[in-house]
Amino acid sequence: MIDLKRIRKEKKLTQQELSQLSGVPQQSISRYEKGSRNADSENLKKLALALRVSADDLLGITEEVKNFKRIQENLSIELTK
């Protein structure tokens, strides 16, 4: 999960605190943050709910969509010139 660590730190939570809030084992959170393991849909949902963000935010999809929209807008501007 691309943005798990960043979001967890923004919320000022330790891995252990996030584990307690979400019910996801701390060891799993550590592995997700390192990229050595991917969360299944159930743990992704638990983490998103505990952090009060969308699963898309945890997966970095929200940022990718924003970047794509910027590219589209730039192309649109270029084509109309």
C-alpha atoms as a PDB file:
ATOM      1  CA  MET A   1       0.000   0.000   0.000  1.00  0.00           C
ATOM      2  CA  ILE A   2       1.730   3.025  -1.331  1.00  0.00           C
ATOM      3  CA  ASP A   3       0.462   5.645   1.105  1.00  0.00           C
ATOM      4  CA  LEU A   4      -0.208   3.696   4.318  1.00  0.00           C
ATOM      5  CA  LYS A   5       2.878   4.884   6.160  1.00  0.00           C
ATOM      6  CA  ARG A   6       2.436   8.522   5.085  1.00  0.00           C
ATOM      7  CA  ILE A   7      -1.222   8.581   6.124  1.00  0.00           C
ATOM      8  CA  ARG A   8      -0.515   6.782   9.417  1.00  0.00           C
ATOM      9  CA  LYS A   9       2.168   9.328  10.277  1.00  0.00           C
ATOM     10  CA  GLU A  10      -0.094  12.237   9.279  1.00  0.00           C
ATOM     11  CA  LYS A  11      -2.618  10.882  11.780  1.00  0.00           C
ATOM     12  CA  LYS A  12       0.206  10.713  14.366  1.00  0.00           C
ATOM     13  CA  LEU A  13      -0.269   7.000  14.968  1.00  0.00           C
ATOM     14  CA  THR A  14       2.275   4.291  15.608  1.00  0.00           C
ATOM     15  CA  GLN A  15       1.930   0.946  13.907  1.00  0.00           C
ATOM     16  CA  GLN A  16       0.852  -0.525  17.234  1.00  0.00           C
ATOM     17  CA  GLU A  17      -1.846   2.120  17.716  1.00  0.00           C
ATOM     18  CA  LEU A  18      -3.137   1.559  14.181  1.00  0.00           C
ATOM     19  CA  SER A  19      -3.146  -2.158  14.876  1.00  0.00           C
ATOM     20  CA  GLN A  20      -5.294  -1.652  17.969  1.00  0.00           C
ATOM     21  CA  LEU A  21      -7.694   0.666  16.122  1.00  0.00           C
ATOM     22  CA  SER A  22      -8.052  -1.533  13.063  1.00  0.00           C
ATOM     23  CA  GLY A  23      -7.652  -5.070  14.377  1.00  0.00           C
ATOM     24  CA  VAL A  24      -4.923  -5.700  11.782  1.00  0.00           C
ATOM     25  CA  PRO A  25      -1.781  -7.242  13.320  1.00  0.00           C
ATOM     26  CA  GLN A  26       1.128  -4.816  13.722  1.00  0.00           C
ATOM     27  CA  GLN A  27       3.414  -7.209  11.864  1.00  0.00           C
ATOM     28  CA  SER A  28       1.079  -7.087   8.862  1.00  0.00           C
ATOM     29  CA  ILE A  29       1.030  -3.288   8.923  1.00  0.00           C
ATOM     30  CA  SER A  30       4.819  -3.278   8.954  1.00  0.00           C
ATOM     31  CA  ARG A  31       4.937  -5.604   5.950  1.00  0.00           C
ATOM     32  CA  TYR A  32       2.371  -3.515   4.057  1.00  0.00           C
ATOM     33  CA  GLU A  33       4.410  -0.371   4.679  1.00  0.00           C
ATOM     34  CA  LYS A  34       7.621  -2.064   3.512  1.00  0.00           C
ATOM     35  CA  GLY A  35       5.885  -3.374   0.412  1.00  0.00           C
ATOM     36  CA  SER A  36       6.796  -6.971   1.174  1.00  0.00           C
ATOM     37  CA  ARG A  37       3.143  -7.971   1.425  1.00  0.00           C
ATOM     38  CA  ASN A  38      -0.194  -6.720   0.095  1.00  0.00           C
ATOM     39  CA  ALA A  39      -3.284  -6.379   2.245  1.00  0.00           C
ATOM     40  CA  ASP A  40      -6.308  -8.465   1.422  1.00  0.00           C
ATOM     41  CA  SER A  41      -9.579  -6.625   0.884  1.00  0.00           C
ATOM     42  CA  GLU A  42     -10.759  -7.154   4.466  1.00  0.00           C
ATOM     43  CA  ASN A  43      -7.611  -5.690   6.041  1.00  0.00           C
ATOM     44  CA  LEU A  44      -7.589  -2.858   3.516  1.00  0.00           C
ATOM     45  CA  LYS A  45     -11.123  -2.005   4.580  1.00  0.00           C
ATOM     46  CA  LYS A  46     -10.230  -2.186   8.294  1.00  0.00           C
ATOM     47  CA  LEU A  47      -7.224   0.102   7.825  1.00  0.00           C
ATOM     48  CA  ALA A  48      -9.185   2.603   5.743  1.00  0.00           C
ATOM     49  CA  LEU A  49     -11.947   2.756   8.356  1.00  0.00           C
ATOM     50  CA  ALA A  50      -9.470   3.122  11.237  1.00  0.00           C
ATOM     51  CA  LEU A  51      -7.624   5.927   9.424  1.00  0.00           C
ATOM     52  CA  ARG A  52     -10.857   7.514   8.166  1.00  0.00           C
ATOM     53  CA  VAL A  53      -9.701   7.555   4.557  1.00  0.00           C
ATOM     54  CA  SER A  54     -10.744   5.706   1.424  1.00  0.00           C
ATOM     55  CA  ALA A  55      -9.089   2.525   0.245  1.00  0.00           C
ATOM     56  CA  ASP A  56      -8.161   4.520  -2.870  1.00  0.00           C
ATOM     57  CA  ASP A  57      -6.181   6.894  -0.661  1.00  0.00           C
ATOM     58  CA  LEU A  58      -4.259   3.999   0.883  1.00  0.00           C
ATOM     59  CA  LEU A  59      -3.513   2.527  -2.512  1.00  0.00           C
ATOM     60  CA  GLY A  60      -2.367   5.846  -3.976  1.00  0.00           C
ATOM     61  CA  ILE A  61      -5.136   5.812  -6.559  1.00  0.00           C
ATOM     62  CA  THR A  62      -6.504   9.207  -5.543  1.00  0.00           C
ATOM     63  CA  GLU A  63      -3.196  10.886  -6.371  1.00  0.00           C
ATOM     64  CA  GLU A  64      -2.916   9.007  -9.663  1.00  0.00           C
ATOM     65  CA  VAL A  65      -6.382  10.211 -10.676  1.00  0.00           C
ATOM     66  CA  LYS A  66      -5.421  13.801  -9.853  1.00  0.00           C
ATOM     67  CA  ASN A  67      -2.274  13.472 -11.962  1.00  0.00           C
ATOM     68  CA  PHE A  68      -4.243  11.970 -14.832  1.00  0.00           C
ATOM     69  CA  LYS A  69      -6.771  14.815 -14.707  1.00  0.00           C
ATOM     70  CA  ARG A  70      -3.925  17.371 -14.764  1.00  0.00           C
ATOM     71  CA  ILE A  71      -2.456  15.692 -17.832  1.00  0.00           C
ATOM     72  CA  GLN A  72      -5.860  15.650 -19.521  1.00  0.00           C
ATOM     73  CA  GLU A  73      -6.387  19.350 -18.777  1.00  0.00           C
ATOM     74  CA  ASN A  74      -2.926  20.227 -20.097  1.00  0.00           C
ATOM     75  CA  LEU A  75      -3.541  18.269 -23.272  1.00  0.00           C
ATOM     76  CA  SER A  76      -6.904  19.933 -23.710  1.00  0.00           C
ATOM     77  CA  ILE A  77      -5.334  23.385 -23.336  1.00  0.00           C
ATOM     78  CA  GLU A  78      -2.576  22.456 -25.808  1.00  0.00           C
ATOM     79  CA  LEU A  79      -5.086  21.224 -28.387  1.00  0.00           C
ATOM     80  CA  THR A  80      -7.197  24.368 -28.223  1.00  0.00           C
ATOM     81  CA  LYS A  81      -4.249  26.705 -28.885  1.00  0.00           C
END
